[in-house]
Structures are given as C-alpha cells and as structure tokens.
Amino acid sequence: MKVRMNWTYQTPKKQTVFFQSDELEAELALLMAEDMERTGRTKSIEFTDARGVTWSKKEMLKLMEELEYEPASIMVYFDGSYDKESGKSGAGAAIYYKLGKERFRVRISQTLDELPSNNEAEYAALLLAVNYLAELGVSGQEVLFKGDSLVAVNQLSGEWPCYEEQHQSWINRIEEGLMKLKISGNYEAIPRKENKEADQLSKQAIQGMNVRSRIKLD
C-alpha cells in the first residue's frame, strides 16, 4: 500500500509550514513519521492514499495491523491470445502480492470460446484477474495492472476513447468488479518481452491447459 505523508512543521516561534511527500510504501511512511516526531517540531502528520482517503498515524497503524492478514502491494500482469484457425482464445494472468511479510505469486489461465478478436481476449484476461482478486478477499486496495495491449491499457485508463460496443461491455464489467471490491486500478503498458509470463499462460490456455496455482516466493 502506498501513501503520501502530509506533515505540518512548527518552528519554536509557532510558525507552521506544510509539506507533502511523494508516494511511499506505508511501512516506510510510518518509520519516517516516527523519526519526524522525534524532532519535537511536528505539529501534525497524516497519510493519504491514491483515492484521497486520509488517516492519522494512530489510524494508519491500526490499518497496517489489519492489512497484515490481507493481500497488499498487488501487481497484475495480464495477456490474451487469439487463434483465428480454431476460433479459440486464451486468457492469462500472473498476480504478485504480499501477505504480511511474505510474498506470493498466483498464475491463472482460462480457455475461451467465441471471442472475435485478440483485443477481447485481453479484456477477458483482465476480468479473469479481477475475479481472482475477489476470491483472494482483496478490498480497498490500489492495484497495478500491467499489459502489452495498448488498446486495453489506454481505454481502461481513459487515455483513449472507446468507440467499440464490445470493448465497452468488457470495460463496464471490469470497472463494476473493481468498484465492488473498492479497488483503485492503475494501468501500465509494458513491452511484450516484460509480459512473457502472462503471454505463455494465455497461449497454453488456447491448447486447453488451464492453470490455477499459487506459490510463496523467497
């Protein structure tokens, strides 16, 4: 979880100055807050997440205790594949997250029929990931989605308009899923070479190899 620190500094003459940090991991932000408080010049410290929700230090400490038992620092790689000859599509996603101090990786893929294009397979892969996040019990988190489809990434982020009715239908389903989970989704376009894991999963799904696995990372 990432937050910005809002720090009000007070001089010996009671003059105050407001500072705001760049985004920091919440654990680091709390350590910084404790260090600032030791100066004796801190009038107030608050923490704000990407959704604009603000916490006091006490509230943030309580939240971090609760998050120790919930997935956090979630990153999703997604990809879709489409085979014109067979008419089959595959959706694949690799999900990385922290649970307490441990890190995990999930791999999921699904064979899909009757999708007319690779673009729709990309959206299906992202929806597959969102549905899995619901199974994990993710709620109120900021999630980074990475994919090599400029169409999917830019239409979901709002950078590109969506004129295709079928694409808009997928976008609506994805956004509805995120809204139910109170997830703030961020989208990043990456080169294909950085998306090999999800790409392989989606291609295996076309061959009928549906994967669903989770491992703890070192």
Protein backbone atom coordinates (compact mmCIF):
# COMPACT_ATOMS: atom_id res chain seq x y z
CA MET A 1 0.00 0.00 0.00
CA LYS A 2 1.34 3.43 -0.94
CA VAL A 3 0.52 6.74 0.73
CA ARG A 4 1.62 10.36 0.78
CA MET A 5 2.69 11.94 4.06
CA ASN A 6 1.14 15.28 4.99
CA TRP A 7 3.42 16.87 7.58
CA THR A 8 2.91 20.18 9.36
CA TYR A 9 6.19 21.52 10.80
CA GLN A 10 6.15 24.09 13.60
CA THR A 11 9.05 26.42 14.46
CA PRO A 12 9.92 27.48 18.03
CA LYS A 13 8.05 30.74 17.28
CA LYS A 14 4.92 28.74 16.40
CA GLN A 15 5.17 29.40 12.66
CA THR A 16 3.95 26.44 10.63
CA VAL A 17 4.84 25.04 7.21
CA PHE A 18 3.04 22.22 5.38
CA PHE A 19 4.95 19.54 3.45
CA GLN A 20 3.71 16.64 1.34
CA SER A 21 5.88 13.69 0.34
CA ASP A 22 5.97 11.63 -2.81
CA GLU A 23 4.22 8.27 -2.67
CA LEU A 24 5.87 5.90 -0.18
CA GLU A 25 5.20 2.38 0.98
CA ALA A 26 3.05 2.71 4.10
CA GLU A 27 5.61 0.91 6.27
CA LEU A 28 8.33 3.40 5.28
CA ALA A 29 5.96 6.34 5.74
CA LEU A 30 5.28 5.26 9.33
CA LEU A 31 9.01 4.96 10.05
CA MET A 32 9.56 8.44 8.62
CA ALA A 33 6.70 9.79 10.74
CA GLU A 34 8.25 8.42 13.93
CA ASP A 35 11.60 9.98 13.01
CA MET A 36 9.96 13.36 12.36
CA GLU A 37 8.10 13.25 15.67
CA ARG A 38 11.42 12.82 17.48
CA THR A 39 12.43 16.31 16.31
CA GLY A 40 9.76 17.79 18.58
CA ARG A 41 8.77 20.15 15.76
CA THR A 42 5.94 18.10 14.29
CA LYS A 43 2.52 19.66 14.75
CA SER A 44 0.61 17.00 12.80
CA ILE A 45 1.13 14.08 10.43
CA GLU A 46 -1.49 12.46 8.23
CA PHE A 47 -1.37 9.88 5.46
CA THR A 48 -3.38 9.98 2.21
CA ASP A 49 -3.80 7.17 -0.31
CA ALA A 50 -4.45 7.35 -4.07
CA ARG A 51 -8.21 7.51 -3.50
CA GLY A 52 -7.89 10.59 -1.32
CA VAL A 53 -8.66 8.75 1.93
CA THR A 54 -6.76 10.25 4.86
CA TRP A 55 -5.64 8.63 8.14
CA SER A 56 -4.00 9.84 11.33
CA LYS A 57 -0.89 7.99 12.49
CA LYS A 58 -2.94 6.00 15.01
CA GLU A 59 -5.45 5.03 12.33
CA MET A 60 -2.66 4.09 9.91
CA LEU A 61 -1.02 1.81 12.50
CA LYS A 62 -4.35 0.08 13.08
CA LEU A 63 -4.90 -0.27 9.33
CA MET A 64 -1.45 -1.83 8.85
CA GLU A 65 -2.25 -4.40 11.55
CA GLU A 66 -5.44 -5.30 9.68
CA LEU A 67 -3.64 -5.45 6.31
CA GLU A 68 -1.16 -7.95 7.74
CA TYR A 69 -3.85 -10.55 7.16
CA GLU A 70 -4.98 -9.24 3.75
CA PRO A 71 -3.21 -9.24 0.35
CA ALA A 72 -1.35 -5.96 -0.31
CA SER A 73 1.18 -4.44 -2.78
CA ILE A 74 -0.68 -6.18 -5.60
CA MET A 75 0.66 -6.23 -9.16
CA VAL A 76 -1.13 -7.98 -12.03
CA TYR A 77 0.35 -8.97 -15.40
CA PHE A 78 -2.34 -9.91 -17.93
CA ASP A 79 -2.43 -11.06 -21.55
CA GLY A 80 -4.84 -12.55 -24.05
CA SER A 81 -4.24 -14.70 -27.14
CA TYR A 82 -6.47 -15.49 -30.10
CA ASP A 83 -6.17 -18.25 -32.71
CA LYS A 84 -8.04 -17.49 -35.95
CA GLU A 85 -7.98 -21.06 -37.25
CA SER A 86 -9.60 -22.68 -34.22
CA GLY A 87 -11.55 -19.62 -33.11
CA LYS A 88 -10.30 -20.21 -29.58
CA SER A 89 -8.89 -17.62 -27.21
CA GLY A 90 -6.84 -17.81 -24.05
CA ALA A 91 -6.66 -15.50 -21.05
CA GLY A 92 -3.71 -15.49 -18.68
CA ALA A 93 -2.66 -13.53 -15.62
CA ALA A 94 0.18 -13.55 -13.11
CA ILE A 95 -0.62 -11.87 -9.80
CA TYR A 96 2.05 -10.85 -7.29
CA TYR A 97 1.17 -9.74 -3.77
CA LYS A 98 2.29 -9.56 -0.15
CA LEU A 99 0.56 -11.18 2.80
CA GLY A 100 2.14 -9.87 5.96
CA LYS A 101 5.89 -10.13 5.35
CA GLU A 102 5.59 -12.95 2.82
CA ARG A 103 5.31 -12.63 -0.96
CA PHE A 104 3.19 -14.81 -3.21
CA ARG A 105 2.65 -15.39 -6.92
CA VAL A 106 -0.55 -16.64 -8.49
CA ARG A 107 -0.82 -17.93 -12.06
CA ILE A 108 -4.22 -18.37 -13.68
CA SER A 109 -5.39 -19.06 -17.22
CA GLN A 110 -8.65 -19.91 -18.94
CA THR A 111 -9.68 -21.23 -22.36
CA LEU A 112 -12.32 -19.07 -24.03
CA ASP A 113 -14.60 -19.74 -27.00
CA GLU A 114 -16.47 -17.46 -29.37
CA LEU A 115 -14.43 -14.30 -28.85
CA PRO A 116 -13.97 -12.45 -32.15
CA SER A 117 -10.60 -10.78 -31.57
CA ASN A 118 -7.37 -10.64 -29.62
CA ASN A 119 -8.43 -7.35 -28.04
CA GLU A 120 -11.41 -9.02 -26.41
CA ALA A 121 -9.13 -11.77 -25.13
CA GLU A 122 -7.03 -9.06 -23.46
CA TYR A 123 -10.07 -7.69 -21.65
CA ALA A 124 -11.12 -11.21 -20.69
CA ALA A 125 -7.68 -11.77 -19.13
CA LEU A 126 -8.01 -8.65 -17.04
CA LEU A 127 -11.51 -9.62 -15.92
CA LEU A 128 -10.18 -13.08 -15.00
CA ALA A 129 -7.63 -11.38 -12.74
CA VAL A 130 -10.24 -9.11 -11.14
CA ASN A 131 -12.44 -12.10 -10.35
CA TYR A 132 -9.48 -13.84 -8.71
CA LEU A 133 -8.76 -10.76 -6.61
CA ALA A 134 -12.30 -11.09 -5.28
CA GLU A 135 -11.55 -14.71 -4.31
CA LEU A 136 -8.41 -13.54 -2.50
CA GLY A 137 -10.51 -11.14 -0.45
CA VAL A 138 -8.83 -8.01 -1.78
CA SER A 139 -10.71 -4.87 -0.76
CA GLY A 140 -9.93 -1.17 -0.67
CA GLN A 141 -6.51 -1.61 -2.26
CA GLU A 142 -4.61 0.10 -5.04
CA VAL A 143 -3.74 -2.44 -7.76
CA LEU A 144 -1.34 -2.01 -10.67
CA PHE A 145 -2.37 -3.81 -13.87
CA LYS A 146 0.37 -4.32 -16.48
CA GLY A 147 -0.24 -5.46 -20.05
CA ASP A 148 1.22 -5.14 -23.53
CA SER A 149 -2.09 -4.28 -25.23
CA LEU A 150 -2.10 -0.53 -25.85
CA VAL A 151 -5.80 -0.71 -26.69
CA ALA A 152 -6.82 -2.34 -23.40
CA VAL A 153 -4.47 -0.31 -21.20
CA ASN A 154 -5.26 3.07 -22.73
CA GLN A 155 -9.01 2.54 -22.97
CA LEU A 156 -9.23 1.35 -19.37
CA SER A 157 -7.12 4.25 -18.11
CA GLY A 158 -9.25 6.70 -20.09
CA GLU A 159 -6.33 7.85 -22.23
CA TRP A 160 -8.06 6.62 -25.39
CA PRO A 161 -11.79 6.86 -26.13
CA CYS A 162 -13.69 3.61 -26.66
CA TYR A 163 -15.99 3.51 -29.69
CA GLU A 164 -16.37 -0.27 -29.93
CA GLU A 165 -19.52 -1.53 -28.23
CA GLN A 166 -17.98 -4.92 -27.43
CA HIS A 167 -14.93 -3.32 -25.82
CA GLN A 168 -17.12 -1.02 -23.75
CA SER A 169 -19.07 -4.02 -22.49
CA TRP A 170 -15.84 -5.58 -21.19
CA ILE A 171 -14.70 -2.29 -19.67
CA ASN A 172 -18.02 -1.96 -17.84
CA ARG A 173 -17.71 -5.46 -16.39
CA ILE A 174 -14.13 -4.84 -15.27
CA GLU A 175 -14.96 -1.48 -13.68
CA GLU A 176 -18.02 -2.92 -11.93
CA GLY A 177 -15.84 -5.69 -10.48
CA LEU A 178 -13.26 -3.19 -9.25
CA MET A 179 -15.95 -0.96 -7.78
CA LYS A 180 -17.45 -3.84 -5.79
CA LEU A 181 -14.02 -4.52 -4.30
CA LYS A 182 -13.30 -0.81 -3.78
CA ILE A 183 -10.11 -1.30 -5.79
CA SER A 184 -8.35 1.67 -7.34
CA GLY A 185 -6.93 0.35 -10.61
CA ASN A 186 -3.83 1.80 -12.25
CA TYR A 187 -2.81 0.66 -15.73
CA GLU A 188 0.64 0.49 -17.29
CA ALA A 189 1.59 -0.52 -20.83
CA ILE A 190 4.72 -2.68 -20.94
CA PRO A 191 6.79 -4.23 -23.76
CA ARG A 192 5.89 -7.79 -24.77
CA LYS A 193 9.23 -9.08 -23.51
CA GLU A 194 8.22 -7.97 -19.99
CA ASN A 195 4.91 -9.80 -20.25
CA LYS A 196 6.17 -13.26 -21.20
CA GLU A 197 4.68 -14.96 -18.15
CA ALA A 198 1.09 -13.90 -18.85
CA ASP A 199 1.61 -14.42 -22.59
CA GLN A 200 2.68 -18.03 -22.07
CA LEU A 201 -0.31 -18.67 -19.81
CA SER A 202 -2.73 -17.30 -22.40
CA LYS A 203 -1.19 -19.40 -25.20
CA GLN A 204 -1.29 -22.54 -23.05
CA ALA A 205 -4.98 -21.87 -22.43
CA ILE A 206 -5.66 -22.00 -26.19
CA GLN A 207 -4.22 -25.52 -26.09
CA GLY A 208 -6.63 -26.41 -23.29
CA MET A 209 -4.12 -26.08 -20.44
CA ASN A 210 -5.97 -24.15 -17.75
CA VAL A 211 -3.69 -23.19 -14.88
CA ARG A 212 -4.52 -22.21 -11.32
CA SER A 213 -1.55 -22.17 -8.95
CA ARG A 214 -0.11 -20.22 -6.04
CA ILE A 215 3.40 -20.33 -4.60
CA LYS A 216 5.27 -18.47 -1.87
CA LEU A 217 8.28 -16.57 -3.16
CA ASP A 218 11.65 -16.40 -1.41
